[in-house]
Amino acid sequence: MNRRGVQAGFTLLELLVAMAIFALFAVMAYGGMGSILETRARTDAVSARLTAIQMAVMFLERDTAQAVLRPVRGEYGRELPALYTYLGDEQVLEFTRGGYANPAGRQRSHLQRVAWSFADHTLYRLAWPVLDRVPDSRPVREVMLEDVEAVAWRFLDRSNRWHNQWPPLNVDPKFAGELPRAIEWTLTLDGWGRIVRLIEVVQPS
């Protein structure tokens, strides 16, 4: 019998096998792509979190190191120490800092009154437009870091003794007119553990 005119083709079984293999490879490729995208998303989230932590630590280190001995007047005329802590609904560390950048060359002080506040698992930075306030003075409040479990400060006085608040309690009142030698910051972050920074308060000579 002459088979020259007969064209070879796929049987139904062969087509089904080929489709099954193609479907298997498609599922494997989709799963691999999903895994890659999920890993990428996790990596991006970790990178963004690390950047946020680094920025917050950089700002708090810069502010703290430039603390200066300059008391201010509060909204209602009461004198506030150059640096003090307040523990209430929020944990607050407020102080006057130097090095206030003035790129526009405006007629204003190079000093700035700032505060770092911790509440509702969030670390904030507050900055006032003036040193000595009036009743309508309002600070600019900026979120610096979220998902913070705890914030703690320790203050090293000129006699090399540590205190958990400033001005210290039950010590010589002269400390109200001084700055600590150094401030230790401890940030406890969700999923990252504790970050401790010991920052020297540099006094102008």
N, C-alpha and C. Protein backbone atom coordinates (compact mmCIF):
# COMPACT_ATOMS: atom_id res chain seq x y z
N MET A 1 0.85 -1.20 0.00
CA MET A 1 0.00 0.00 0.00
C MET A 1 0.88 1.24 0.00
N ASN A 2 0.54 2.24 -0.81
CA ASN A 2 1.33 3.46 -0.94
C ASN A 2 0.90 4.47 0.12
N ARG A 3 1.84 4.86 1.05
CA ARG A 3 1.51 5.78 2.15
C ARG A 3 2.07 7.18 1.90
N ARG A 4 2.54 7.45 0.65
CA ARG A 4 3.13 8.77 0.43
C ARG A 4 2.13 9.90 0.63
N GLY A 5 0.90 9.65 0.31
CA GLY A 5 -0.12 10.70 0.43
C GLY A 5 -0.69 10.84 1.81
N VAL A 6 -0.28 9.99 2.71
CA VAL A 6 -0.82 10.05 4.08
C VAL A 6 0.03 11.01 4.91
N GLN A 7 -0.62 12.04 5.54
CA GLN A 7 0.10 13.01 6.38
C GLN A 7 0.06 12.57 7.83
N ALA A 8 1.26 12.65 8.45
CA ALA A 8 1.34 12.27 9.86
C ALA A 8 0.69 13.35 10.72
N GLY A 9 0.06 13.00 11.84
CA GLY A 9 -0.59 13.95 12.74
C GLY A 9 -0.54 13.45 14.16
N PHE A 10 -1.13 14.27 15.09
CA PHE A 10 -1.17 13.90 16.50
C PHE A 10 -2.48 13.17 16.79
N THR A 11 -2.38 12.19 17.59
CA THR A 11 -3.59 11.51 18.04
C THR A 11 -4.19 12.32 19.18
N LEU A 12 -5.42 12.03 19.54
CA LEU A 12 -6.08 12.74 20.64
C LEU A 12 -5.32 12.56 21.94
N LEU A 13 -4.81 11.36 22.17
CA LEU A 13 -4.06 11.09 23.40
C LEU A 13 -2.81 11.95 23.46
N GLU A 14 -2.10 12.07 22.32
CA GLU A 14 -0.90 12.90 22.30
C GLU A 14 -1.22 14.36 22.57
N LEU A 15 -2.33 14.86 22.02
CA LEU A 15 -2.73 16.24 22.27
C LEU A 15 -3.04 16.47 23.75
N LEU A 16 -3.73 15.50 24.34
CA LEU A 16 -4.06 15.63 25.76
C LEU A 16 -2.81 15.64 26.63
N VAL A 17 -1.86 14.79 26.29
CA VAL A 17 -0.60 14.75 27.05
C VAL A 17 0.15 16.07 26.90
N ALA A 18 0.21 16.60 25.67
CA ALA A 18 0.91 17.87 25.43
C ALA A 18 0.25 19.01 26.19
N MET A 19 -1.10 19.04 26.20
CA MET A 19 -1.80 20.08 26.93
C MET A 19 -1.58 19.96 28.44
N ALA A 20 -1.54 18.74 28.92
CA ALA A 20 -1.30 18.54 30.35
C ALA A 20 0.09 19.03 30.74
N ILE A 21 1.08 18.72 29.89
CA ILE A 21 2.45 19.17 30.18
C ILE A 21 2.53 20.70 30.14
N PHE A 22 1.87 21.29 29.13
CA PHE A 22 1.88 22.76 29.03
C PHE A 22 1.21 23.39 30.26
N ALA A 23 0.09 22.82 30.68
CA ALA A 23 -0.61 23.33 31.85
C ALA A 23 0.27 23.22 33.10
N LEU A 24 0.99 22.12 33.23
CA LEU A 24 1.88 21.92 34.38
C LEU A 24 2.97 22.98 34.40
N PHE A 25 3.58 23.23 33.24
CA PHE A 25 4.63 24.25 33.18
C PHE A 25 4.06 25.65 33.47
N ALA A 26 2.83 25.91 32.99
CA ALA A 26 2.21 27.21 33.23
C ALA A 26 1.97 27.42 34.72
N VAL A 27 1.48 26.37 35.40
CA VAL A 27 1.24 26.47 36.85
C VAL A 27 2.55 26.69 37.59
N MET A 28 3.59 25.96 37.19
CA MET A 28 4.89 26.12 37.83
C MET A 28 5.44 27.53 37.62
N ALA A 29 5.29 28.03 36.39
CA ALA A 29 5.78 29.38 36.09
C ALA A 29 5.01 30.43 36.88
N TYR A 30 3.68 30.27 36.98
CA TYR A 30 2.86 31.23 37.72
C TYR A 30 3.23 31.21 39.21
N GLY A 31 3.42 29.99 39.74
CA GLY A 31 3.81 29.88 41.14
C GLY A 31 5.17 30.51 41.40
N GLY A 32 6.10 30.28 40.48
CA GLY A 32 7.43 30.88 40.64
C GLY A 32 7.37 32.39 40.56
N MET A 33 6.57 32.93 39.64
CA MET A 33 6.43 34.38 39.52
C MET A 33 5.78 34.96 40.77
N GLY A 34 4.76 34.26 41.30
CA GLY A 34 4.12 34.73 42.52
C GLY A 34 5.09 34.77 43.68
N SER A 35 5.93 33.74 43.77
CA SER A 35 6.92 33.70 44.84
C SER A 35 7.93 34.83 44.71
N ILE A 36 8.34 35.11 43.47
CA ILE A 36 9.29 36.21 43.23
C ILE A 36 8.68 37.55 43.62
N LEU A 37 7.41 37.76 43.23
CA LEU A 37 6.74 39.02 43.55
C LEU A 37 6.54 39.17 45.05
N GLU A 38 6.21 38.07 45.72
CA GLU A 38 6.02 38.12 47.18
C GLU A 38 7.33 38.44 47.88
N THR A 39 8.41 37.80 47.42
CA THR A 39 9.73 38.07 48.00
C THR A 39 10.14 39.52 47.75
N ARG A 40 9.84 40.01 46.55
CA ARG A 40 10.17 41.41 46.23
C ARG A 40 9.40 42.37 47.14
N ALA A 41 8.12 42.07 47.36
CA ALA A 41 7.30 42.94 48.21
C ALA A 41 7.84 42.95 49.64
N ARG A 42 8.22 41.77 50.16
CA ARG A 42 8.78 41.70 51.51
C ARG A 42 10.09 42.48 51.59
N THR A 43 10.93 42.33 50.56
CA THR A 43 12.21 43.05 50.54
C THR A 43 12.01 44.55 50.51
N ASP A 44 11.04 45.00 49.69
CA ASP A 44 10.75 46.43 49.60
C ASP A 44 10.24 46.97 50.93
N ALA A 45 9.40 46.17 51.62
CA ALA A 45 8.86 46.61 52.91
C ALA A 45 9.97 46.73 53.95
N VAL A 46 10.87 45.75 53.98
CA VAL A 46 11.99 45.81 54.92
C VAL A 46 12.90 46.99 54.62
N SER A 47 13.15 47.24 53.33
CA SER A 47 14.00 48.35 52.93
C SER A 47 13.38 49.69 53.33
N ALA A 48 12.05 49.82 53.11
CA ALA A 48 11.37 51.06 53.48
C ALA A 48 11.40 51.27 54.99
N ARG A 49 11.21 50.20 55.74
CA ARG A 49 11.24 50.29 57.20
C ARG A 49 12.64 50.69 57.69
N LEU A 50 13.66 50.09 57.12
CA LEU A 50 15.03 50.42 57.49
C LEU A 50 15.34 51.88 57.20
N THR A 51 14.89 52.37 56.05
CA THR A 51 15.11 53.77 55.70
C THR A 51 14.42 54.70 56.69
N ALA A 52 13.19 54.37 57.07
CA ALA A 52 12.46 55.19 58.05
C ALA A 52 13.18 55.21 59.40
N ILE A 53 13.68 54.07 59.84
CA ILE A 53 14.41 54.00 61.11
C ILE A 53 15.68 54.84 61.03
N GLN A 54 16.43 54.70 59.95
CA GLN A 54 17.67 55.45 59.81
C GLN A 54 17.41 56.96 59.80
N MET A 55 16.35 57.39 59.12
CA MET A 55 16.04 58.81 59.08
C MET A 55 15.65 59.33 60.46
N ALA A 56 14.82 58.58 61.18
CA ALA A 56 14.41 59.01 62.51
C ALA A 56 15.61 59.11 63.45
N VAL A 57 16.48 58.11 63.43
CA VAL A 57 17.66 58.12 64.29
C VAL A 57 18.59 59.26 63.91
N MET A 58 18.75 59.53 62.63
CA MET A 58 19.60 60.63 62.20
C MET A 58 19.09 61.97 62.73
N PHE A 59 17.78 62.19 62.64
CA PHE A 59 17.21 63.44 63.12
C PHE A 59 17.34 63.57 64.63
N LEU A 60 17.05 62.50 65.37
CA LEU A 60 17.13 62.61 66.82
C LEU A 60 18.56 62.79 67.30
N GLU A 61 19.51 62.15 66.62
CA GLU A 61 20.91 62.34 66.98
C GLU A 61 21.35 63.78 66.70
N ARG A 62 20.94 64.32 65.56
CA ARG A 62 21.32 65.68 65.20
C ARG A 62 20.73 66.69 66.18
N ASP A 63 19.44 66.54 66.49
CA ASP A 63 18.81 67.46 67.43
C ASP A 63 19.47 67.39 68.81
N THR A 64 19.63 66.18 69.32
CA THR A 64 20.13 66.00 70.68
C THR A 64 21.54 66.53 70.83
N ALA A 65 22.40 66.25 69.88
CA ALA A 65 23.80 66.67 69.98
C ALA A 65 23.93 68.19 69.98
N GLN A 66 22.93 68.90 69.42
CA GLN A 66 23.02 70.35 69.32
C GLN A 66 22.18 71.08 70.36
N ALA A 67 21.78 70.38 71.43
CA ALA A 67 21.04 71.03 72.51
C ALA A 67 21.88 72.15 73.12
N VAL A 68 21.24 73.27 73.42
CA VAL A 68 21.95 74.43 73.97
C VAL A 68 21.23 74.91 75.23
N LEU A 69 21.97 75.65 76.05
CA LEU A 69 21.46 76.13 77.32
C LEU A 69 20.70 77.45 77.10
N ARG A 70 19.47 77.31 76.61
CA ARG A 70 18.65 78.48 76.34
C ARG A 70 17.21 78.18 76.78
N PRO A 71 16.83 78.59 78.01
CA PRO A 71 15.43 78.45 78.43
C PRO A 71 14.52 79.29 77.53
N VAL A 72 13.23 78.96 77.53
CA VAL A 72 12.28 79.71 76.71
C VAL A 72 11.05 80.05 77.55
N ARG A 73 10.22 80.93 77.01
CA ARG A 73 8.96 81.27 77.65
C ARG A 73 7.84 80.47 76.98
N GLY A 74 7.02 79.81 77.81
CA GLY A 74 5.92 79.02 77.29
C GLY A 74 4.76 79.88 76.83
N GLU A 75 3.70 79.23 76.38
CA GLU A 75 2.55 79.93 75.83
C GLU A 75 1.93 80.93 76.80
N TYR A 76 2.01 80.63 78.11
CA TYR A 76 1.36 81.47 79.11
C TYR A 76 2.38 82.23 79.97
N GLY A 77 3.57 82.42 79.43
CA GLY A 77 4.56 83.25 80.09
C GLY A 77 5.45 82.54 81.09
N ARG A 78 5.20 81.26 81.34
CA ARG A 78 6.04 80.52 82.30
C ARG A 78 7.36 80.14 81.65
N GLU A 79 8.45 80.28 82.42
CA GLU A 79 9.76 79.91 81.88
C GLU A 79 9.91 78.39 81.86
N LEU A 80 10.35 77.88 80.74
CA LEU A 80 10.60 76.45 80.57
C LEU A 80 12.10 76.21 80.52
N PRO A 81 12.60 75.14 81.17
CA PRO A 81 14.04 74.87 81.16
C PRO A 81 14.56 74.67 79.74
N ALA A 82 15.86 74.84 79.61
CA ALA A 82 16.49 74.63 78.30
C ALA A 82 16.22 73.23 77.78
N LEU A 83 16.14 72.26 78.70
CA LEU A 83 15.86 70.87 78.34
C LEU A 83 15.08 70.25 79.49
N TYR A 84 13.98 69.59 79.17
CA TYR A 84 13.22 68.92 80.23
C TYR A 84 12.39 67.79 79.63
N THR A 85 12.01 66.86 80.50
CA THR A 85 11.14 65.75 80.11
C THR A 85 9.79 65.91 80.78
N TYR A 86 8.78 65.38 80.10
CA TYR A 86 7.41 65.38 80.64
C TYR A 86 6.82 64.01 80.38
N LEU A 87 6.31 63.39 81.44
CA LEU A 87 5.72 62.06 81.32
C LEU A 87 4.25 62.15 81.71
N GLY A 88 3.38 62.18 80.72
CA GLY A 88 1.95 62.23 80.93
C GLY A 88 1.26 61.31 79.94
N ASP A 89 0.24 61.84 79.28
CA ASP A 89 -0.40 61.05 78.21
C ASP A 89 0.60 60.76 77.10
N GLU A 90 1.55 61.65 76.94
CA GLU A 90 2.65 61.45 76.01
C GLU A 90 3.96 61.53 76.76
N GLN A 91 4.98 60.83 76.26
CA GLN A 91 6.34 61.01 76.76
C GLN A 91 6.98 62.10 75.90
N VAL A 92 7.47 63.15 76.54
CA VAL A 92 7.98 64.30 75.80
C VAL A 92 9.37 64.66 76.30
N LEU A 93 10.27 64.88 75.36
CA LEU A 93 11.59 65.46 75.62
C LEU A 93 11.65 66.74 74.80
N GLU A 94 11.69 67.89 75.51
CA GLU A 94 11.67 69.18 74.84
C GLU A 94 12.94 69.95 75.17
N PHE A 95 13.51 70.63 74.17
CA PHE A 95 14.75 71.37 74.40
C PHE A 95 14.99 72.38 73.29
N THR A 96 15.96 73.25 73.54
CA THR A 96 16.40 74.21 72.53
C THR A 96 17.65 73.67 71.85
N ARG A 97 17.68 73.76 70.56
CA ARG A 97 18.83 73.27 69.81
C ARG A 97 19.41 74.38 68.94
N GLY A 98 20.69 74.26 68.64
CA GLY A 98 21.35 75.18 67.74
C GLY A 98 21.40 74.61 66.34
N GLY A 99 22.10 75.32 65.47
CA GLY A 99 22.28 74.83 64.11
C GLY A 99 21.04 74.86 63.26
N TYR A 100 20.09 75.74 63.59
CA TYR A 100 18.86 75.85 62.82
C TYR A 100 19.19 76.45 61.45
N ALA A 101 19.11 75.65 60.41
CA ALA A 101 19.51 76.08 59.07
C ALA A 101 18.65 77.25 58.60
N ASN A 102 19.29 78.18 57.90
CA ASN A 102 18.60 79.38 57.41
C ASN A 102 19.04 79.67 55.97
N PRO A 103 18.69 78.78 55.03
CA PRO A 103 19.17 78.96 53.66
C PRO A 103 18.66 80.22 52.98
N ALA A 104 17.50 80.72 53.43
CA ALA A 104 16.94 81.92 52.80
C ALA A 104 17.50 83.22 53.39
N GLY A 105 18.33 83.09 54.44
CA GLY A 105 18.93 84.27 55.05
C GLY A 105 17.94 85.18 55.74
N ARG A 106 16.90 84.63 56.37
CA ARG A 106 15.89 85.43 57.04
C ARG A 106 16.43 86.00 58.35
N GLN A 107 15.76 87.06 58.82
CA GLN A 107 16.12 87.67 60.09
C GLN A 107 15.50 86.84 61.23
N ARG A 108 16.21 85.82 61.67
CA ARG A 108 15.73 84.98 62.77
C ARG A 108 16.91 84.32 63.45
N SER A 109 16.63 83.75 64.61
CA SER A 109 17.67 83.11 65.41
C SER A 109 18.14 81.82 64.75
N HIS A 110 19.38 81.43 65.05
CA HIS A 110 19.87 80.13 64.60
C HIS A 110 19.48 79.03 65.57
N LEU A 111 18.75 79.41 66.65
CA LEU A 111 18.26 78.45 67.63
C LEU A 111 16.82 78.06 67.29
N GLN A 112 16.44 76.86 67.72
CA GLN A 112 15.09 76.36 67.45
C GLN A 112 14.62 75.55 68.65
N ARG A 113 13.37 75.71 69.00
CA ARG A 113 12.78 74.91 70.07
C ARG A 113 12.11 73.70 69.45
N VAL A 114 12.52 72.51 69.92
CA VAL A 114 11.98 71.27 69.38
C VAL A 114 11.56 70.35 70.52
N ALA A 115 10.79 69.36 70.18
CA ALA A 115 10.40 68.33 71.15
C ALA A 115 10.25 67.01 70.41
N TRP A 116 10.56 65.94 71.12
CA TRP A 116 10.30 64.59 70.62
C TRP A 116 9.25 63.97 71.53
N SER A 117 8.20 63.46 70.91
CA SER A 117 7.04 62.98 71.65
C SER A 117 6.71 61.55 71.22
N PHE A 118 6.33 60.73 72.22
CA PHE A 118 5.96 59.34 71.94
C PHE A 118 4.56 59.09 72.47
N ALA A 119 3.66 58.66 71.59
CA ALA A 119 2.29 58.34 71.96
C ALA A 119 1.69 57.43 70.91
N ASP A 120 0.85 56.49 71.36
CA ASP A 120 0.13 55.59 70.45
C ASP A 120 1.06 54.89 69.46
N HIS A 121 2.18 54.41 69.99
CA HIS A 121 3.15 53.63 69.19
C HIS A 121 3.76 54.45 68.05
N THR A 122 3.78 55.76 68.20
CA THR A 122 4.32 56.63 67.16
C THR A 122 5.27 57.64 67.77
N LEU A 123 6.40 57.87 67.10
CA LEU A 123 7.38 58.85 67.53
C LEU A 123 7.22 60.10 66.66
N TYR A 124 7.01 61.25 67.34
CA TYR A 124 6.79 62.52 66.64
C TYR A 124 7.94 63.48 66.92
N ARG A 125 8.14 64.41 65.99
CA ARG A 125 9.04 65.55 66.20
C ARG A 125 8.22 66.82 66.06
N LEU A 126 8.35 67.72 67.05
CA LEU A 126 7.65 68.98 67.03
C LEU A 126 8.68 70.11 66.94
N ALA A 127 8.37 71.13 66.18
CA ALA A 127 9.27 72.27 66.04
C ALA A 127 8.44 73.55 66.06
N TRP A 128 8.83 74.50 66.93
CA TRP A 128 8.13 75.77 67.03
C TRP A 128 8.77 76.81 66.12
N PRO A 129 7.98 77.71 65.56
CA PRO A 129 8.54 78.75 64.68
C PRO A 129 9.28 79.83 65.45
N VAL A 130 9.05 79.91 66.77
CA VAL A 130 9.71 80.92 67.61
C VAL A 130 10.23 80.24 68.86
N LEU A 131 11.18 80.91 69.54
CA LEU A 131 11.68 80.38 70.80
C LEU A 131 10.72 80.68 71.94
N ASP A 132 10.46 81.96 72.16
CA ASP A 132 9.56 82.39 73.22
C ASP A 132 8.15 82.50 72.64
N ARG A 133 7.26 81.68 73.16
CA ARG A 133 5.95 81.52 72.54
C ARG A 133 4.94 82.53 73.07
N VAL A 134 3.89 82.67 72.30
CA VAL A 134 2.70 83.41 72.69
C VAL A 134 1.53 82.43 72.64
N PRO A 135 0.36 82.80 73.17
CA PRO A 135 -0.73 81.83 73.26
C PRO A 135 -1.10 81.14 71.95
N ASP A 136 -0.91 81.79 70.82
CA ASP A 136 -1.30 81.15 69.56
C ASP A 136 -0.13 80.46 68.85
N SER A 137 1.00 80.31 69.54
CA SER A 137 2.14 79.60 68.93
C SER A 137 1.81 78.12 68.82
N ARG A 138 1.97 77.58 67.64
CA ARG A 138 1.68 76.18 67.40
C ARG A 138 2.88 75.52 66.72
N PRO A 139 3.29 74.35 67.22
CA PRO A 139 4.43 73.69 66.58
C PRO A 139 4.02 72.93 65.33
N VAL A 140 4.99 72.70 64.47
CA VAL A 140 4.80 71.79 63.34
C VAL A 140 5.08 70.38 63.86
N ARG A 141 4.10 69.51 63.75
CA ARG A 141 4.19 68.15 64.29
C ARG A 141 4.36 67.17 63.13
N GLU A 142 5.42 66.40 63.18
CA GLU A 142 5.76 65.48 62.08
C GLU A 142 5.94 64.07 62.60
N VAL A 143 5.31 63.12 61.92
CA VAL A 143 5.51 61.70 62.27
C VAL A 143 6.90 61.27 61.82
N MET A 144 7.70 60.79 62.77
CA MET A 144 9.05 60.36 62.44
C MET A 144 9.17 58.84 62.31
N LEU A 145 8.40 58.09 63.13
CA LEU A 145 8.52 56.64 63.09
C LEU A 145 7.28 56.01 63.71
N GLU A 146 6.74 55.01 63.03
CA GLU A 146 5.57 54.29 63.52
C GLU A 146 5.96 52.89 63.99
N ASP A 147 5.00 52.19 64.58
CA ASP A 147 5.23 50.84 65.11
C ASP A 147 6.37 50.82 66.12
N VAL A 148 6.34 51.79 67.02
CA VAL A 148 7.33 51.88 68.10
C VAL A 148 6.67 51.34 69.37
N GLU A 149 7.29 50.38 70.01
CA GLU A 149 6.72 49.78 71.21
C GLU A 149 7.01 50.61 72.46
N ALA A 150 8.20 51.19 72.54
CA ALA A 150 8.56 51.96 73.74
C ALA A 150 9.71 52.90 73.42
N VAL A 151 9.76 54.01 74.17
CA VAL A 151 10.86 54.97 74.10
C VAL A 151 11.31 55.26 75.52
N ALA A 152 12.62 55.30 75.74
CA ALA A 152 13.15 55.61 77.07
C ALA A 152 14.37 56.50 76.92
N TRP A 153 14.55 57.41 77.91
CA TRP A 153 15.71 58.29 77.92
C TRP A 153 16.44 58.14 79.25
N ARG A 154 17.75 58.31 79.19
CA ARG A 154 18.57 58.45 80.41
C ARG A 154 19.50 59.62 80.19
N PHE A 155 19.79 60.33 81.30
CA PHE A 155 20.56 61.56 81.22
C PHE A 155 21.77 61.46 82.15
N LEU A 156 22.93 61.74 81.60
CA LEU A 156 24.18 61.69 82.36
C LEU A 156 24.54 63.10 82.80
N ASP A 157 24.59 63.33 84.13
CA ASP A 157 24.88 64.68 84.60
C ASP A 157 26.39 64.92 84.63
N ARG A 158 26.78 66.11 85.09
CA ARG A 158 28.19 66.51 85.08
C ARG A 158 29.00 65.77 86.13
N SER A 159 28.30 65.06 87.03
CA SER A 159 29.00 64.23 88.02
C SER A 159 29.01 62.76 87.60
N ASN A 160 28.65 62.51 86.34
CA ASN A 160 28.64 61.16 85.78
C ASN A 160 27.64 60.23 86.47
N ARG A 161 26.51 60.79 86.87
CA ARG A 161 25.43 60.00 87.43
C ARG A 161 24.27 60.00 86.45
N TRP A 162 23.58 58.86 86.37
CA TRP A 162 22.48 58.71 85.42
C TRP A 162 21.16 59.07 86.08
N HIS A 163 20.26 59.67 85.30
CA HIS A 163 18.92 60.03 85.75
C HIS A 163 17.92 59.65 84.66
N ASN A 164 16.72 59.27 85.09
CA ASN A 164 15.69 58.86 84.13
C ASN A 164 14.84 60.02 83.64
N GLN A 165 15.02 61.20 84.24
CA GLN A 165 14.31 62.38 83.76
C GLN A 165 15.19 63.60 83.99
N TRP A 166 14.79 64.71 83.33
CA TRP A 166 15.58 65.94 83.44
C TRP A 166 14.64 67.14 83.48
N PRO A 167 14.89 68.09 84.41
CA PRO A 167 15.90 68.07 85.47
C PRO A 167 15.67 66.93 86.45
N PRO A 168 16.72 66.40 87.05
CA PRO A 168 16.57 65.27 87.96
C PRO A 168 15.77 65.64 89.20
N LEU A 169 15.11 64.66 89.80
CA LEU A 169 14.38 64.87 91.03
C LEU A 169 15.30 64.72 92.23
N ASN A 170 15.01 65.46 93.28
CA ASN A 170 15.69 65.32 94.57
C ASN A 170 17.20 65.48 94.47
N VAL A 171 17.62 66.40 93.62
CA VAL A 171 19.04 66.70 93.54
C VAL A 171 19.20 68.21 93.62
N ASP A 172 20.42 68.64 93.55
CA ASP A 172 20.72 70.07 93.63
C ASP A 172 19.93 70.85 92.57
N PRO A 173 19.18 71.89 92.96
CA PRO A 173 18.38 72.65 91.98
C PRO A 173 19.20 73.25 90.84
N LYS A 174 20.52 73.31 91.02
CA LYS A 174 21.33 73.90 89.95
C LYS A 174 21.22 73.14 88.65
N PHE A 175 20.81 71.86 88.73
CA PHE A 175 20.69 71.08 87.50
C PHE A 175 19.61 71.62 86.57
N ALA A 176 18.65 72.36 87.14
CA ALA A 176 17.62 72.96 86.29
C ALA A 176 18.23 73.97 85.33
N GLY A 177 19.40 74.49 85.67
CA GLY A 177 20.07 75.45 84.81
C GLY A 177 21.23 74.86 84.06
N GLU A 178 21.30 73.55 83.98
CA GLU A 178 22.38 72.88 83.27
C GLU A 178 21.81 71.92 82.23
N LEU A 179 22.67 71.50 81.37
CA LEU A 179 22.33 70.44 80.42
C LEU A 179 23.08 69.17 80.82
N PRO A 180 22.54 68.02 80.49
CA PRO A 180 23.27 66.77 80.74
C PRO A 180 24.50 66.67 79.85
N ARG A 181 25.45 65.86 80.28
CA ARG A 181 26.64 65.62 79.45
C ARG A 181 26.28 64.78 78.23
N ALA A 182 25.35 63.86 78.43
CA ALA A 182 24.96 62.97 77.34
C ALA A 182 23.53 62.50 77.59
N ILE A 183 22.89 62.08 76.52
CA ILE A 183 21.54 61.53 76.58
C ILE A 183 21.54 60.18 75.88
N GLU A 184 20.98 59.20 76.57
CA GLU A 184 20.86 57.85 76.00
C GLU A 184 19.42 57.63 75.54
N TRP A 185 19.27 57.36 74.27
CA TRP A 185 17.97 57.04 73.69
C TRP A 185 17.85 55.53 73.55
N THR A 186 16.69 54.98 73.92
CA THR A 186 16.39 53.57 73.68
C THR A 186 15.05 53.47 72.98
N LEU A 187 15.07 52.99 71.75
CA LEU A 187 13.84 52.76 70.98
C LEU A 187 13.60 51.26 70.89
N THR A 188 12.42 50.83 71.27
CA THR A 188 12.04 49.42 71.11
C THR A 188 11.03 49.35 69.97
N LEU A 189 11.41 48.64 68.91
CA LEU A 189 10.61 48.63 67.69
C LEU A 189 10.02 47.25 67.45
N ASP A 190 8.81 47.24 66.96
CA ASP A 190 8.11 46.00 66.65
C ASP A 190 8.87 45.24 65.58
N GLY A 191 9.33 44.04 65.91
CA GLY A 191 10.03 43.19 64.96
C GLY A 191 11.50 43.50 64.78
N TRP A 192 12.00 44.56 65.43
CA TRP A 192 13.40 44.96 65.26
C TRP A 192 14.16 44.97 66.58
N GLY A 193 13.47 44.84 67.69
CA GLY A 193 14.16 44.86 68.98
C GLY A 193 14.52 46.26 69.42
N ARG A 194 15.58 46.37 70.22
CA ARG A 194 15.97 47.65 70.80
C ARG A 194 17.09 48.31 70.01
N ILE A 195 16.97 49.62 69.85
CA ILE A 195 18.03 50.44 69.26
C ILE A 195 18.45 51.44 70.33
N VAL A 196 19.73 51.43 70.69
CA VAL A 196 20.24 52.31 71.75
C VAL A 196 21.27 53.26 71.14
N ARG A 197 21.12 54.56 71.44
CA ARG A 197 22.06 55.56 70.99
C ARG A 197 22.47 56.43 72.17
N LEU A 198 23.77 56.53 72.40
CA LEU A 198 24.31 57.41 73.44
C LEU A 198 24.89 58.63 72.73
N ILE A 199 24.30 59.80 73.02
CA ILE A 199 24.64 61.01 72.27
C ILE A 199 25.21 62.05 73.22
N GLU A 200 26.42 62.49 72.93
CA GLU A 200 27.04 63.53 73.74
C GLU A 200 26.41 64.88 73.40
N VAL A 201 26.10 65.64 74.46
CA VAL A 201 25.58 66.98 74.26
C VAL A 201 26.79 67.92 74.23
N VAL A 202 27.10 68.41 73.06
CA VAL A 202 28.31 69.23 72.87
C VAL A 202 28.02 70.65 73.31
N GLN A 203 28.75 71.14 74.29
CA GLN A 203 28.57 72.49 74.78
C GLN A 203 29.54 73.45 74.10
N PRO A 204 29.07 74.60 73.67
CA PRO A 204 29.99 75.56 73.05
C PRO A 204 31.01 76.06 74.05
N SER A 205 32.22 76.24 73.60
CA SER A 205 33.30 76.68 74.49
C SER A 205 33.23 78.19 74.69
